[in-house]
Amino acid sequence: MRKTTVWLMLTLCNLFWAGNYVFGKYVVTQLTPLSMTFVRWLFACLLLFPIAHFMERPDWRKAFKSWPLLLPMGILGYIGYNMILYTSLHFTSSTNAALVSALNPGMIVILSAIVLRESISGWRRLGIVVSLLGVITTLTGGHLLSIFKIHYNTGDLLMLGAITVWAIYSLIAKRLKEIKPITATAIAGLFAVMLLTPFVLIQGIDLSGVEPMAFVGMAYIVLFPSVGSFIFWNMSVMEIGASRAGVFMNLVPVFTALISVLLGAELVWSQIVGGLLVMTGVYLTTGMFEQKFIQKQAQNI
């Protein structure tokens, strides 16, 4: 697969996810996080299985034998991450949530170093620190010393948990070698639906009073962040690895901020400064700056 194709898929993937923050912020006022997650993956699976069957022609029996990896993927990336994300949107803005999610690349690099024994260079360590400073700027509204206070926005703290879950999910996805991406996405989604079904039956899904725009929002979430993004993400991770694919997640807060502004939201200075710091940190964490620095030093020798 060409690099430009992978880059395009990752860009679209994160554009769709940015919309998930914006639409999710609205839909979560109409439906519970449990209902949203269940409905999302129930309808996504109805689309994913036919797409996988006709595009990838998988041996389904053989594919389901990868359940030791696909089951935790469903639990972490499909249930855990989304439940935490939608719950966090009860308490914080879509822009703030997206800015915190920009820590994902650094988190993936750290876990890759711990679990996969990948080395972290000095530039990448600096990038992680700068990204963390950006997130702290966002969380504290620019009052950095208040980081030592006890009380924080619950939604922002939940997003820190969400990105940890997503980083673990990405490392597991990287290990999938013998199953194609759309097939993997479909089966992991099915496992998520199966695990959520008993809880939904107990809680129920109350659609009374749900506004029409909420259904539009759920349709978007099913088609784009669920089907489109997860297919593109898994294809990209299998092609270039979790660490390199994670770089593109810094586009999520950029796209989220742009969409929010277009819809009439206002950005405060701490979000802008925090966002710039996060992007700078992500740039350093990816190793792109380090590579250019080494090339420049070599040219001067």
Protein backbone atom coordinates (compact mmCIF):
# COMPACT_ATOMS: atom_id res chain seq x y z
CA MET A 1 0.00 0.00 0.00
CA ARG A 2 1.36 3.45 -0.90
CA LYS A 3 2.29 5.84 1.90
CA THR A 4 0.05 8.55 0.45
CA THR A 5 -2.90 6.15 0.64
CA VAL A 6 -2.15 5.36 4.28
CA TRP A 7 -1.79 9.07 5.10
CA LEU A 8 -5.12 9.86 3.39
CA MET A 9 -6.87 7.07 5.30
CA LEU A 10 -5.46 8.29 8.60
CA THR A 11 -6.46 11.89 7.84
CA LEU A 12 -10.05 10.88 7.01
CA CYS A 13 -10.09 8.53 9.98
CA ASN A 14 -9.33 11.36 12.38
CA LEU A 15 -11.66 13.80 10.63
CA PHE A 16 -14.49 11.32 11.21
CA TRP A 17 -13.44 10.88 14.84
CA ALA A 18 -13.45 14.64 15.33
CA GLY A 19 -17.09 14.64 14.26
CA ASN A 20 -17.70 11.93 16.85
CA TYR A 21 -16.71 14.37 19.61
CA VAL A 22 -19.00 17.09 18.27
CA PHE A 23 -22.03 14.90 17.53
CA GLY A 24 -21.38 12.77 20.63
CA LYS A 25 -21.54 15.87 22.81
CA TYR A 26 -25.08 16.46 21.58
CA VAL A 27 -26.36 12.86 21.39
CA VAL A 28 -25.20 12.04 24.92
CA THR A 29 -27.79 14.56 26.17
CA GLN A 30 -30.47 12.37 24.56
CA LEU A 31 -29.17 8.82 25.13
CA THR A 32 -27.04 7.14 27.79
CA PRO A 33 -23.41 6.23 26.98
CA LEU A 34 -24.41 2.55 27.20
CA SER A 35 -27.26 3.01 24.71
CA MET A 36 -25.06 5.04 22.36
CA THR A 37 -22.26 2.47 22.38
CA PHE A 38 -24.66 -0.46 21.86
CA VAL A 39 -26.64 1.19 19.04
CA ARG A 40 -23.41 2.38 17.42
CA TRP A 41 -21.86 -1.07 17.14
CA LEU A 42 -25.10 -2.97 16.50
CA PHE A 43 -25.77 -1.01 13.31
CA ALA A 44 -22.08 -0.77 12.43
CA CYS A 45 -21.86 -4.58 12.47
CA LEU A 46 -24.84 -4.81 10.12
CA LEU A 47 -22.71 -2.85 7.63
CA LEU A 48 -19.26 -4.23 8.44
CA PHE A 49 -19.98 -7.92 7.95
CA PRO A 50 -21.36 -7.56 4.38
CA ILE A 51 -18.54 -5.14 3.49
CA ALA A 52 -15.92 -7.56 4.84
CA HIS A 53 -17.53 -10.54 3.12
CA PHE A 54 -17.61 -8.99 -0.35
CA MET A 55 -14.38 -6.99 -0.18
CA GLU A 56 -12.05 -9.36 1.70
CA ARG A 57 -13.67 -12.77 1.16
CA PRO A 58 -12.47 -14.02 4.57
CA ASP A 59 -12.53 -17.57 5.88
CA TRP A 60 -14.86 -16.68 8.74
CA ARG A 61 -14.15 -19.86 10.71
CA LYS A 62 -10.42 -19.16 10.58
CA ALA A 63 -10.98 -15.47 11.35
CA PHE A 64 -12.95 -16.24 14.52
CA LYS A 65 -10.00 -18.32 15.74
CA SER A 66 -8.25 -14.98 16.38
CA TRP A 67 -10.75 -14.31 19.18
CA PRO A 68 -8.01 -14.11 21.88
CA LEU A 69 -6.97 -10.81 20.26
CA LEU A 70 -10.33 -9.69 18.86
CA LEU A 71 -12.23 -10.09 22.15
CA PRO A 72 -9.99 -7.70 24.14
CA MET A 73 -10.05 -5.34 21.14
CA GLY A 74 -13.84 -5.30 21.39
CA ILE A 75 -13.75 -4.76 25.15
CA LEU A 76 -11.14 -1.98 25.05
CA GLY A 77 -11.52 -0.13 21.76
CA TYR A 78 -15.23 -0.61 21.16
CA ILE A 79 -16.79 -0.71 24.64
CA GLY A 80 -14.29 0.79 27.07
CA TYR A 81 -13.03 3.71 25.01
CA ASN A 82 -16.48 4.75 23.77
CA MET A 83 -18.22 4.40 27.13
CA ILE A 84 -15.56 6.55 28.79
CA LEU A 85 -15.55 9.07 25.92
CA TYR A 86 -19.31 9.57 25.88
CA THR A 87 -19.42 9.78 29.68
CA SER A 88 -16.67 12.42 29.63
CA LEU A 89 -18.70 14.53 27.17
CA HIS A 90 -21.32 14.89 29.90
CA PHE A 91 -18.83 17.00 31.84
CA THR A 92 -16.46 18.70 29.38
CA SER A 93 -16.52 20.36 25.97
CA SER A 94 -15.83 18.43 22.76
CA THR A 95 -12.78 20.64 22.15
CA ASN A 96 -11.30 19.93 25.59
CA ALA A 97 -11.91 16.19 25.19
CA ALA A 98 -10.24 16.22 21.79
CA LEU A 99 -7.25 18.18 23.11
CA VAL A 100 -6.70 15.64 25.88
CA SER A 101 -7.00 12.85 23.30
CA ALA A 102 -4.01 14.39 21.51
CA LEU A 103 -1.88 12.77 24.22
CA ASN A 104 -2.60 9.47 22.46
CA PRO A 105 0.59 9.38 20.35
CA GLY A 106 2.76 9.93 23.41
CA MET A 107 0.81 7.30 25.35
CA ILE A 108 1.24 4.80 22.52
CA VAL A 109 4.99 5.50 22.39
CA ILE A 110 5.32 5.02 26.17
CA LEU A 111 3.36 1.75 26.18
CA SER A 112 5.27 0.55 23.10
CA ALA A 113 8.49 1.13 25.05
CA ILE A 114 7.17 -0.74 28.10
CA VAL A 115 5.42 -3.62 26.37
CA LEU A 116 7.33 -3.97 23.09
CA ARG A 117 10.70 -2.74 24.42
CA GLU A 118 10.88 0.01 21.80
CA SER A 119 13.49 2.66 22.61
CA ILE A 120 12.50 6.30 23.27
CA SER A 121 14.98 8.92 22.09
CA GLY A 122 15.66 12.20 23.88
CA TRP A 123 13.60 14.17 21.35
CA ARG A 124 10.61 11.88 21.86
CA ARG A 125 10.89 12.22 25.62
CA LEU A 126 10.90 15.99 25.21
CA GLY A 127 7.85 15.73 22.95
CA ILE A 128 5.95 13.75 25.58
CA VAL A 129 6.76 16.38 28.21
CA VAL A 130 5.69 19.27 25.93
CA SER A 131 2.44 17.44 25.05
CA LEU A 132 1.74 16.87 28.72
CA LEU A 133 2.35 20.57 29.41
CA GLY A 134 -0.19 21.42 26.70
CA VAL A 135 -2.80 19.12 28.21
CA ILE A 136 -2.17 20.56 31.69
CA THR A 137 -2.62 24.07 30.24
CA THR A 138 -5.98 22.98 28.84
CA LEU A 139 -7.10 21.16 31.99
CA THR A 140 -6.23 24.05 34.30
CA GLY A 141 -7.50 26.83 32.03
CA GLY A 142 -3.98 28.21 31.81
CA HIS A 143 -3.42 28.35 35.59
CA LEU A 144 -0.60 25.81 35.74
CA LEU A 145 -0.08 25.98 39.50
CA SER A 146 -3.65 24.82 40.05
CA ILE A 147 -2.50 21.37 38.88
CA PHE A 148 -1.76 20.75 42.57
CA LYS A 149 -5.36 21.35 43.55
CA ILE A 150 -7.66 18.44 44.30
CA HIS A 151 -10.60 19.27 42.03
CA TYR A 152 -10.50 18.84 38.25
CA ASN A 153 -13.08 18.65 35.50
CA THR A 154 -14.40 15.09 35.66
CA GLY A 155 -14.72 14.87 31.87
CA ASP A 156 -11.09 15.83 31.27
CA LEU A 157 -9.89 13.22 33.77
CA LEU A 158 -12.07 10.57 32.16
CA MET A 159 -10.46 11.35 28.80
CA LEU A 160 -7.05 10.55 30.31
CA GLY A 161 -8.41 7.10 31.09
CA ALA A 162 -9.90 6.82 27.60
CA ILE A 163 -6.60 7.47 25.82
CA THR A 164 -4.86 4.86 27.99
CA VAL A 165 -7.49 2.31 26.94
CA TRP A 166 -7.08 3.30 23.28
CA ALA A 167 -3.29 3.00 23.42
CA ILE A 168 -3.58 -0.57 24.75
CA TYR A 169 -6.14 -1.35 22.03
CA SER A 170 -3.74 -0.06 19.35
CA LEU A 171 -0.91 -2.27 20.57
CA ILE A 172 -3.20 -5.31 20.41
CA ALA A 173 -4.37 -4.35 16.89
CA LYS A 174 -0.74 -4.23 15.79
CA ARG A 175 -0.42 -7.96 16.56
CA LEU A 176 -3.15 -8.93 14.08
CA LYS A 177 -1.30 -10.37 11.12
CA GLU A 178 -3.42 -13.24 9.80
CA ILE A 179 -6.79 -11.48 9.60
CA LYS A 180 -7.80 -8.63 7.31
CA PRO A 181 -8.75 -5.25 8.80
CA ILE A 182 -12.44 -4.99 7.91
CA THR A 183 -13.01 -8.58 9.05
CA ALA A 184 -11.19 -7.84 12.31
CA THR A 185 -13.27 -4.70 12.86
CA ALA A 186 -16.53 -6.57 12.23
CA ILE A 187 -15.76 -9.47 14.58
CA ALA A 188 -14.47 -7.22 17.37
CA GLY A 189 -17.63 -5.12 16.97
CA LEU A 190 -19.78 -8.26 17.21
CA PHE A 191 -18.05 -9.26 20.44
CA ALA A 192 -18.75 -5.77 21.79
CA VAL A 193 -22.45 -6.03 20.94
CA MET A 194 -22.72 -9.49 22.50
CA LEU A 195 -21.09 -8.31 25.73
CA LEU A 196 -23.28 -5.18 25.93
CA THR A 197 -26.59 -6.96 25.18
CA PRO A 198 -27.30 -8.22 28.76
CA PHE A 199 -26.70 -4.75 30.20
CA VAL A 200 -28.93 -3.13 27.57
CA LEU A 201 -31.70 -5.64 28.27
CA ILE A 202 -31.54 -4.75 31.96
CA GLN A 203 -31.32 -0.98 31.47
CA GLY A 204 -33.40 -0.70 28.30
CA ILE A 205 -33.17 1.98 25.62
CA ASP A 206 -35.61 4.84 26.12
CA LEU A 207 -36.28 6.60 22.79
CA SER A 208 -39.19 8.69 24.08
CA GLY A 209 -38.43 12.37 23.80
CA VAL A 210 -35.33 11.82 21.68
CA GLU A 211 -35.03 14.68 19.18
CA PRO A 212 -34.68 14.00 15.42
CA MET A 213 -31.18 15.50 15.34
CA ALA A 214 -30.04 12.83 17.81
CA PHE A 215 -30.92 10.17 15.25
CA VAL A 216 -28.98 12.10 12.62
CA GLY A 217 -26.04 12.25 15.02
CA MET A 218 -26.19 8.50 15.66
CA ALA A 219 -26.36 7.82 11.92
CA TYR A 220 -23.18 9.86 11.48
CA ILE A 221 -21.50 8.04 14.38
CA VAL A 222 -22.39 4.64 12.89
CA LEU A 223 -21.33 5.39 9.32
CA PHE A 224 -18.18 7.46 9.78
CA PRO A 225 -16.44 7.12 13.18
CA SER A 226 -17.50 3.45 13.50
CA VAL A 227 -17.34 1.92 10.02
CA GLY A 228 -15.07 4.37 8.21
CA SER A 229 -12.60 5.30 10.96
CA PHE A 230 -12.10 1.84 12.43
CA ILE A 231 -11.52 0.27 9.01
CA PHE A 232 -9.04 2.99 8.04
CA TRP A 233 -7.33 2.86 11.45
CA ASN A 234 -6.88 -0.92 11.52
CA MET A 235 -5.66 -0.97 7.91
CA SER A 236 -3.13 1.75 8.69
CA VAL A 237 -1.92 0.18 11.95
CA MET A 238 -1.35 -3.13 10.17
CA GLU A 239 0.57 -1.29 7.46
CA ILE A 240 2.81 1.11 9.43
CA GLY A 241 2.39 0.19 13.11
CA ALA A 242 0.65 1.78 16.09
CA SER A 243 3.35 4.34 16.92
CA ARG A 244 3.49 5.90 13.45
CA ALA A 245 -0.28 5.77 12.94
CA GLY A 246 -0.80 7.39 16.34
CA VAL A 247 0.96 10.51 15.05
CA PHE A 248 -2.07 11.42 12.99
CA MET A 249 -4.33 11.52 16.06
CA ASN A 250 -3.04 15.05 16.64
CA LEU A 251 -5.42 16.01 13.83
CA VAL A 252 -8.45 15.17 16.00
CA PRO A 253 -8.34 18.32 18.19
CA VAL A 254 -7.59 20.47 15.12
CA PHE A 255 -10.59 19.11 13.22
CA THR A 256 -12.77 19.19 16.35
CA ALA A 257 -11.93 22.84 17.01
CA LEU A 258 -12.64 23.77 13.38
CA ILE A 259 -15.99 21.95 13.35
CA SER A 260 -16.95 23.47 16.73
CA VAL A 261 -16.10 26.99 15.56
CA LEU A 262 -18.10 26.47 12.37
CA LEU A 263 -21.04 25.46 14.55
CA GLY A 264 -20.70 28.62 16.64
CA ALA A 265 -18.54 27.56 19.58
CA GLU A 266 -15.85 29.87 20.98
CA LEU A 267 -12.24 28.94 21.78
CA VAL A 268 -10.56 30.33 24.90
CA TRP A 269 -6.87 31.23 25.00
CA SER A 270 -5.91 28.26 27.19
CA GLN A 271 -7.33 25.86 24.59
CA ILE A 272 -5.41 27.58 21.80
CA VAL A 273 -2.09 27.66 23.72
CA GLY A 274 -2.61 24.15 25.05
CA GLY A 275 -3.42 22.91 21.55
CA LEU A 276 -0.25 24.47 20.09
CA LEU A 277 1.87 22.89 22.83
CA VAL A 278 0.24 19.50 22.26
CA MET A 279 0.85 19.70 18.50
CA THR A 280 4.48 20.69 19.07
CA GLY A 281 4.91 17.81 21.47
CA VAL A 282 3.32 15.37 19.06
CA TYR A 283 5.64 16.60 16.29
CA LEU A 284 8.65 15.90 18.51
CA THR A 285 7.23 12.58 19.72
CA THR A 286 6.80 11.25 16.19
CA GLY A 287 10.50 11.49 15.51
CA MET A 288 10.02 13.63 12.39
CA PHE A 289 11.95 16.55 13.91
CA GLU A 290 14.67 14.18 15.11
CA GLN A 291 15.03 12.68 11.64
CA LYS A 292 15.33 16.12 10.01
CA PHE A 293 17.83 17.21 12.68
CA ILE A 294 20.01 14.17 12.03
CA GLN A 295 19.85 14.71 8.27
CA LYS A 296 20.86 18.36 8.68
CA GLN A 297 23.76 17.42 10.94
CA ALA A 298 24.93 14.84 8.40
CA GLN A 299 24.85 17.44 5.64
CA ASN A 300 27.04 19.76 7.72
CA ILE A 301 29.70 17.12 8.24
